[in-house]
PDB file of N, CA and C in Angstrom:
ATOM      1  N   UNK A   1      73.873  69.278  45.242  1.00  0.00           N
ATOM      2  CA  UNK A   1      73.809  69.942  46.530  1.00  0.00           C
ATOM      3  C   UNK A   1      74.751  69.194  47.476  1.00  0.00           C
ATOM      4  N   UNK A   2      75.603  69.938  48.157  1.00  0.00           N
ATOM      5  CA  UNK A   2      76.530  69.291  49.082  1.00  0.00           C
ATOM      6  C   UNK A   2      75.954  69.237  50.497  1.00  0.00           C
ATOM      7  N   UNK A   3      76.669  68.570  51.395  1.00  0.00           N
ATOM      8  CA  UNK A   3      76.168  68.353  52.757  1.00  0.00           C
ATOM      9  C   UNK A   3      76.003  69.674  53.510  1.00  0.00           C
ATOM     10  N   UNK A   4      76.853  70.655  53.255  1.00  0.00           N
ATOM     11  CA  UNK A   4      76.729  71.956  53.923  1.00  0.00           C
ATOM     12  C   UNK A   4      75.427  72.647  53.538  1.00  0.00           C
ATOM     13  N   UNK A   5      75.075  72.566  52.281  1.00  0.00           N
ATOM     14  CA  UNK A   5      73.819  73.168  51.820  1.00  0.00           C
ATOM     15  C   UNK A   5      72.621  72.444  52.419  1.00  0.00           C
ATOM     16  N   UNK A   6      72.687  71.144  52.499  1.00  0.00           N
ATOM     17  CA  UNK A   6      71.596  70.364  53.096  1.00  0.00           C
ATOM     18  C   UNK A   6      71.433  70.725  54.570  1.00  0.00           C
ATOM     19  N   UNK A   7      72.553  70.814  55.285  1.00  0.00           N
ATOM     20  CA  UNK A   7      72.496  71.175  56.709  1.00  0.00           C
ATOM     21  C   UNK A   7      71.926  72.579  56.892  1.00  0.00           C
ATOM     22  N   UNK A   8      72.330  73.508  56.023  1.00  0.00           N
ATOM     23  CA  UNK A   8      71.819  74.872  56.107  1.00  0.00           C
ATOM     24  C   UNK A   8      70.310  74.894  55.866  1.00  0.00           C
ATOM     25  N   UNK A   9      69.864  74.173  54.853  1.00  0.00           N
ATOM     26  CA  UNK A   9      68.428  74.130  54.553  1.00  0.00           C
ATOM     27  C   UNK A   9      67.648  73.464  55.689  1.00  0.00           C
ATOM     28  N   UNK A  10      68.206  72.405  56.261  1.00  0.00           N
ATOM     29  CA  UNK A  10      67.548  71.741  57.395  1.00  0.00           C
ATOM     30  C   UNK A  10      67.437  72.698  58.572  1.00  0.00           C
ATOM     31  N   UNK A  11      68.489  73.459  58.820  1.00  0.00           N
ATOM     32  CA  UNK A  11      68.481  74.455  59.895  1.00  0.00           C
ATOM     33  C   UNK A  11      67.367  75.479  59.659  1.00  0.00           C
ATOM     34  N   UNK A  12      67.287  75.999  58.445  1.00  0.00           N
ATOM     35  CA  UNK A  12      66.267  77.001  58.112  1.00  0.00           C
ATOM     36  C   UNK A  12      64.857  76.439  58.241  1.00  0.00           C
ATOM     37  N   UNK A  13      64.659  75.222  57.767  1.00  0.00           N
ATOM     38  CA  UNK A  13      63.329  74.607  57.843  1.00  0.00           C
ATOM     39  C   UNK A  13      62.926  74.336  59.288  1.00  0.00           C
ATOM     40  N   UNK A  14      63.874  73.865  60.095  1.00  0.00           N
ATOM     41  CA  UNK A  14      63.585  73.618  61.511  1.00  0.00           C
ATOM     42  C   UNK A  14      63.216  74.896  62.238  1.00  0.00           C
ATOM     43  N   UNK A  15      64.002  75.937  62.008  1.00  0.00           N
ATOM     44  CA  UNK A  15      63.747  77.225  62.648  1.00  0.00           C
ATOM     45  C   UNK A  15      62.389  77.779  62.221  1.00  0.00           C
ATOM     46  N   UNK A  16      62.093  77.697  60.943  1.00  0.00           N
ATOM     47  CA  UNK A  16      60.821  78.186  60.416  1.00  0.00           C
ATOM     48  C   UNK A  16      59.647  77.429  61.033  1.00  0.00           C
ATOM     49  N   UNK A  17      59.790  76.124  61.160  1.00  0.00           N
ATOM     50  CA  UNK A  17      58.712  75.307  61.723  1.00  0.00           C
ATOM     51  C   UNK A  17      58.445  75.679  63.181  1.00  0.00           C
ATOM     52  N   UNK A  18      59.499  75.873  63.959  1.00  0.00           N
ATOM     53  CA  UNK A  18      59.336  76.257  65.364  1.00  0.00           C
ATOM     54  C   UNK A  18      58.631  77.608  65.459  1.00  0.00           C
ATOM     55  N   UNK A  19      59.046  78.576  64.663  1.00  0.00           N
ATOM     56  CA  UNK A  19      58.406  79.897  64.695  1.00  0.00           C
ATOM     57  C   UNK A  19      56.938  79.820  64.295  1.00  0.00           C
ATOM     58  N   UNK A  20      56.643  79.033  63.279  1.00  0.00           N
ATOM     59  CA  UNK A  20      55.260  78.868  62.822  1.00  0.00           C
ATOM     60  C   UNK A  20      54.387  78.239  63.905  1.00  0.00           C
ATOM     61  N   UNK A  21      54.915  77.209  64.564  1.00  0.00           N
ATOM     62  CA  UNK A  21      54.153  76.552  65.630  1.00  0.00           C
ATOM     63  C   UNK A  21      53.938  77.491  66.820  1.00  0.00           C
ATOM     64  N   UNK A  22      54.943  78.291  67.143  1.00  0.00           N
ATOM     65  CA  UNK A  22      54.781  79.247  68.241  1.00  0.00           C
ATOM     66  C   UNK A  22      53.684  80.254  67.922  1.00  0.00           C
ATOM     67  N   UNK A  23      53.620  80.681  66.677  1.00  0.00           N
ATOM     68  CA  UNK A  23      52.563  81.596  66.250  1.00  0.00           C
ATOM     69  C   UNK A  23      51.192  80.929  66.351  1.00  0.00           C
ATOM     70  N   UNK A  24      51.109  79.677  65.918  1.00  0.00           N
ATOM     71  CA  UNK A  24      49.848  78.928  66.020  1.00  0.00           C
ATOM     72  C   UNK A  24      49.413  78.781  67.474  1.00  0.00           C
ATOM     73  N   UNK A  25      50.374  78.502  68.349  1.00  0.00           N
ATOM     74  CA  UNK A  25      50.062  78.341  69.772  1.00  0.00           C
ATOM     75  C   UNK A  25      49.539  79.646  70.353  1.00  0.00           C
ATOM     76  N   UNK A  26      50.201  80.748  70.040  1.00  0.00           N
ATOM     77  CA  UNK A  26      49.754  82.054  70.537  1.00  0.00           C
ATOM     78  C   UNK A  26      48.353  82.387  70.037  1.00  0.00           C
ATOM     79  N   UNK A  27      48.076  82.037  68.784  1.00  0.00           N
ATOM     80  CA  UNK A  27      46.745  82.291  68.213  1.00  0.00           C
ATOM     81  C   UNK A  27      45.686  81.466  68.957  1.00  0.00           C
ATOM     82  N   UNK A  28      45.991  80.210  69.234  1.00  0.00           N
ATOM     83  CA  UNK A  28      45.043  79.360  69.962  1.00  0.00           C
ATOM     84  C   UNK A  28      44.813  79.896  71.368  1.00  0.00           C
ATOM     85  N   UNK A  29      45.877  80.339  72.031  1.00  0.00           N
ATOM     86  CA  UNK A  29      45.742  80.923  73.367  1.00  0.00           C
ATOM     87  C   UNK A  29      44.859  82.164  73.328  1.00  0.00           C
ATOM     88  N   UNK A  30      45.083  83.019  72.336  1.00  0.00           N
ATOM     89  CA  UNK A  30      44.288  84.239  72.197  1.00  0.00           C
ATOM     90  C   UNK A  30      42.822  83.902  71.949  1.00  0.00           C
ATOM     91  N   UNK A  31      42.585  82.946  71.058  1.00  0.00           N
ATOM     92  CA  UNK A  31      41.214  82.551  70.748  1.00  0.00           C
ATOM     93  C   UNK A  31      40.503  82.013  71.979  1.00  0.00           C
ATOM     94  N   UNK A  32      41.213  81.254  72.794  1.00  0.00           N
ATOM     95  CA  UNK A  32      40.610  80.737  74.030  1.00  0.00           C
ATOM     96  C   UNK A  32      40.269  81.873  74.988  1.00  0.00           C
ATOM     97  N   UNK A  33      41.174  82.809  75.155  1.00  0.00           N
ATOM     98  CA  UNK A  33      40.941  83.928  76.076  1.00  0.00           C
ATOM     99  C   UNK A  33      39.772  84.798  75.623  1.00  0.00           C
ATOM    100  N   UNK A  34      39.655  84.973  74.295  1.00  0.00           N
ATOM    101  CA  UNK A  34      38.603  85.830  73.759  1.00  0.00           C
ATOM    102  C   UNK A  34      37.303  85.072  73.471  1.00  0.00           C
ATOM    103  N   UNK A  35      37.354  83.755  73.601  1.00  0.00           N
ATOM    104  CA  UNK A  35      36.162  82.952  73.320  1.00  0.00           C
ATOM    105  C   UNK A  35      35.848  82.838  71.833  1.00  0.00           C
ATOM    106  N   UNK A  36      36.853  83.017  70.997  1.00  0.00           N
ATOM    107  CA  UNK A  36      36.663  82.919  69.542  1.00  0.00           C
ATOM    108  C   UNK A  36      36.790  81.457  69.126  1.00  0.00           C
ATOM    109  N   UNK A  37      35.669  80.775  69.079  1.00  0.00           N
ATOM    110  CA  UNK A  37      35.722  79.338  68.812  1.00  0.00           C
ATOM    111  C   UNK A  37      35.514  78.994  67.348  1.00  0.00           C
ATOM    112  N   UNK A  38      34.963  79.866  66.562  1.00  0.00           N
ATOM    113  CA  UNK A  38      34.788  79.611  65.141  1.00  0.00           C
ATOM    114  C   UNK A  38      33.986  78.362  64.835  1.00  0.00           C
ATOM    115  N   UNK A  39      33.019  78.047  65.648  1.00  0.00           N
ATOM    116  CA  UNK A  39      32.163  76.897  65.381  1.00  0.00           C
ATOM    117  C   UNK A  39      32.648  75.590  65.986  1.00  0.00           C
ATOM    118  N   UNK A  40      33.757  75.617  66.710  1.00  0.00           N
ATOM    119  CA  UNK A  40      34.215  74.411  67.412  1.00  0.00           C
ATOM    120  C   UNK A  40      34.151  74.663  68.906  1.00  0.00           C
ATOM    121  N   UNK A  41      34.181  73.609  69.669  1.00  0.00           N
ATOM    122  CA  UNK A  41      34.049  73.761  71.122  1.00  0.00           C
ATOM    123  C   UNK A  41      35.355  74.231  71.756  1.00  0.00           C
ATOM    124  N   UNK A  42      35.236  74.768  72.946  1.00  0.00           N
ATOM    125  CA  UNK A  42      36.411  75.186  73.718  1.00  0.00           C
ATOM    126  C   UNK A  42      37.332  73.997  73.936  1.00  0.00           C
ATOM    127  N   UNK A  43      36.762  72.833  74.211  1.00  0.00           N
ATOM    128  CA  UNK A  43      37.559  71.626  74.442  1.00  0.00           C
ATOM    129  C   UNK A  43      38.381  71.265  73.206  1.00  0.00           C
ATOM    130  N   UNK A  44      37.800  71.458  72.034  1.00  0.00           N
ATOM    131  CA  UNK A  44      38.532  71.164  70.806  1.00  0.00           C
ATOM    132  C   UNK A  44      39.692  72.143  70.597  1.00  0.00           C
ATOM    133  N   UNK A  45      39.459  73.396  70.896  1.00  0.00           N
ATOM    134  CA  UNK A  45      40.535  74.378  70.769  1.00  0.00           C
ATOM    135  C   UNK A  45      41.629  74.086  71.789  1.00  0.00           C
ATOM    136  N   UNK A  46      41.241  73.689  73.005  1.00  0.00           N
ATOM    137  CA  UNK A  46      42.240  73.316  74.012  1.00  0.00           C
ATOM    138  C   UNK A  46      43.060  72.117  73.542  1.00  0.00           C
ATOM    139  N   UNK A  47      42.400  71.153  72.923  1.00  0.00           N
ATOM    140  CA  UNK A  47      43.104  69.982  72.399  1.00  0.00           C
ATOM    141  C   UNK A  47      44.069  70.383  71.282  1.00  0.00           C
ATOM    142  N   UNK A  48      43.633  71.291  70.430  1.00  0.00           N
ATOM    143  CA  UNK A  48      44.504  71.788  69.362  1.00  0.00           C
ATOM    144  C   UNK A  48      45.711  72.491  69.972  1.00  0.00           C
ATOM    145  N   UNK A  49      45.462  73.362  70.936  1.00  0.00           N
ATOM    146  CA  UNK A  49      46.555  74.089  71.603  1.00  0.00           C
ATOM    147  C   UNK A  49      47.537  73.120  72.253  1.00  0.00           C
ATOM    148  N   UNK A  50      47.010  72.094  72.933  1.00  0.00           N
ATOM    149  CA  UNK A  50      47.879  71.114  73.590  1.00  0.00           C
ATOM    150  C   UNK A  50      48.683  70.314  72.564  1.00  0.00           C
ATOM    151  N   UNK A  51      48.067  70.009  71.439  1.00  0.00           N
ATOM    152  CA  UNK A  51      48.775  69.318  70.364  1.00  0.00           C
ATOM    153  C   UNK A  51      49.894  70.166  69.782  1.00  0.00           C
ATOM    154  N   UNK A  52      49.621  71.452  69.644  1.00  0.00           N
ATOM    155  CA  UNK A  52      50.643  72.372  69.138  1.00  0.00           C
ATOM    156  C   UNK A  52      51.802  72.453  70.126  1.00  0.00           C
ATOM    157  N   UNK A  53      51.494  72.490  71.420  1.00  0.00           N
ATOM    158  CA  UNK A  53      52.545  72.540  72.437  1.00  0.00           C
ATOM    159  C   UNK A  53      53.446  71.311  72.345  1.00  0.00           C
ATOM    160  N   UNK A  54      52.850  70.158  72.114  1.00  0.00           N
ATOM    161  CA  UNK A  54      53.633  68.936  71.947  1.00  0.00           C
ATOM    162  C   UNK A  54      54.512  69.027  70.709  1.00  0.00           C
ATOM    163  N   UNK A  55      53.949  69.530  69.612  1.00  0.00           N
ATOM    164  CA  UNK A  55      54.716  69.688  68.378  1.00  0.00           C
ATOM    165  C   UNK A  55      55.889  70.656  68.566  1.00  0.00           C
ATOM    166  N   UNK A  56      55.684  71.713  69.341  1.00  0.00           N
ATOM    167  CA  UNK A  56      56.765  72.660  69.618  1.00  0.00           C
ATOM    168  C   UNK A  56      57.901  71.947  70.342  1.00  0.00           C
ATOM    169  N   UNK A  57      57.560  71.129  71.326  1.00  0.00           N
ATOM    170  CA  UNK A  57      58.573  70.380  72.063  1.00  0.00           C
ATOM    171  C   UNK A  57      59.365  69.465  71.135  1.00  0.00           C
ATOM    172  N   UNK A  58      58.662  68.740  70.284  1.00  0.00           N
ATOM    173  CA  UNK A  58      59.310  67.814  69.350  1.00  0.00           C
ATOM    174  C   UNK A  58      60.198  68.575  68.372  1.00  0.00           C
ATOM    175  N   UNK A  59      59.687  69.661  67.796  1.00  0.00           N
ATOM    176  CA  UNK A  59      60.469  70.403  66.808  1.00  0.00           C
ATOM    177  C   UNK A  59      61.644  71.143  67.440  1.00  0.00           C
ATOM    178  N   UNK A  60      61.508  71.566  68.678  1.00  0.00           N
ATOM    179  CA  UNK A  60      62.661  72.150  69.375  1.00  0.00           C
ATOM    180  C   UNK A  60      63.768  71.112  69.528  1.00  0.00           C
ATOM    181  N   UNK A  61      63.383  69.876  69.822  1.00  0.00           N
ATOM    182  CA  UNK A  61      64.359  68.796  69.932  1.00  0.00           C
ATOM    183  C   UNK A  61      65.027  68.537  68.578  1.00  0.00           C
ATOM    184  N   UNK A  62      64.226  68.454  67.535  1.00  0.00           N
ATOM    185  CA  UNK A  62      64.767  68.237  66.189  1.00  0.00           C
ATOM    186  C   UNK A  62      65.708  69.384  65.816  1.00  0.00           C
ATOM    187  N   UNK A  63      65.306  70.612  66.114  1.00  0.00           N
ATOM    188  CA  UNK A  63      66.132  71.771  65.788  1.00  0.00           C
ATOM    189  C   UNK A  63      67.468  71.707  66.534  1.00  0.00           C
ATOM    190  N   UNK A  64      67.454  71.293  67.805  1.00  0.00           N
ATOM    191  CA  UNK A  64      68.696  71.156  68.567  1.00  0.00           C
ATOM    192  C   UNK A  64      69.600  70.097  67.945  1.00  0.00           C
ATOM    193  N   UNK A  65      69.010  69.000  67.472  1.00  0.00           N
ATOM    194  CA  UNK A  65      69.808  67.966  66.804  1.00  0.00           C
ATOM    195  C   UNK A  65      70.465  68.532  65.548  1.00  0.00           C
ATOM    196  N   UNK A  66      69.714  69.298  64.792  1.00  0.00           N
ATOM    197  CA  UNK A  66      70.257  69.914  63.576  1.00  0.00           C
ATOM    198  C   UNK A  66      71.379  70.876  63.945  1.00  0.00           C
ATOM    199  N   UNK A  67      71.151  71.697  64.972  1.00  0.00           N
ATOM    200  CA  UNK A  67      72.172  72.642  65.408  1.00  0.00           C
ATOM    201  C   UNK A  67      73.443  71.924  65.842  1.00  0.00           C
ATOM    202  N   UNK A  68      73.301  70.849  66.590  1.00  0.00           N
ATOM    203  CA  UNK A  68      74.470  70.094  67.068  1.00  0.00           C
ATOM    204  C   UNK A  68      75.217  69.451  65.912  1.00  0.00           C
ATOM    205  N   UNK A  69      74.500  69.070  64.883  1.00  0.00           N
ATOM    206  CA  UNK A  69      75.129  68.442  63.710  1.00  0.00           C
ATOM    207  C   UNK A  69      75.918  69.463  62.904  1.00  0.00           C
ATOM    208  N   UNK A  70      75.572  70.724  63.040  1.00  0.00           N
ATOM    209  CA  UNK A  70      76.257  71.765  62.277  1.00  0.00           C
ATOM    210  C   UNK A  70      77.536  72.251  62.956  1.00  0.00           C
ATOM    211  N   UNK A  71      77.819  71.770  64.146  1.00  0.00           N
ATOM    212  CA  UNK A  71      79.020  72.216  64.874  1.00  0.00           C
ATOM    213  C   UNK A  71      80.243  71.452  64.436  1.00  0.00           C
TER     214      UNK A  71
END
């Protein structure tokens, strides 16, 4: 595998991770609004949502680094 293939795969994985986290965040927001706690407390779901938001920030940064490396 050459460096171009590695960069392409890193780009795809970064993009996929950001999209997945955004979906998780939206699901947590929806669950909070609807009161769907699934046996955990509202505070725990809020903590999960806040953790996902942090992960989105980190992965957006990583994705930008990957994008800049591909230029």
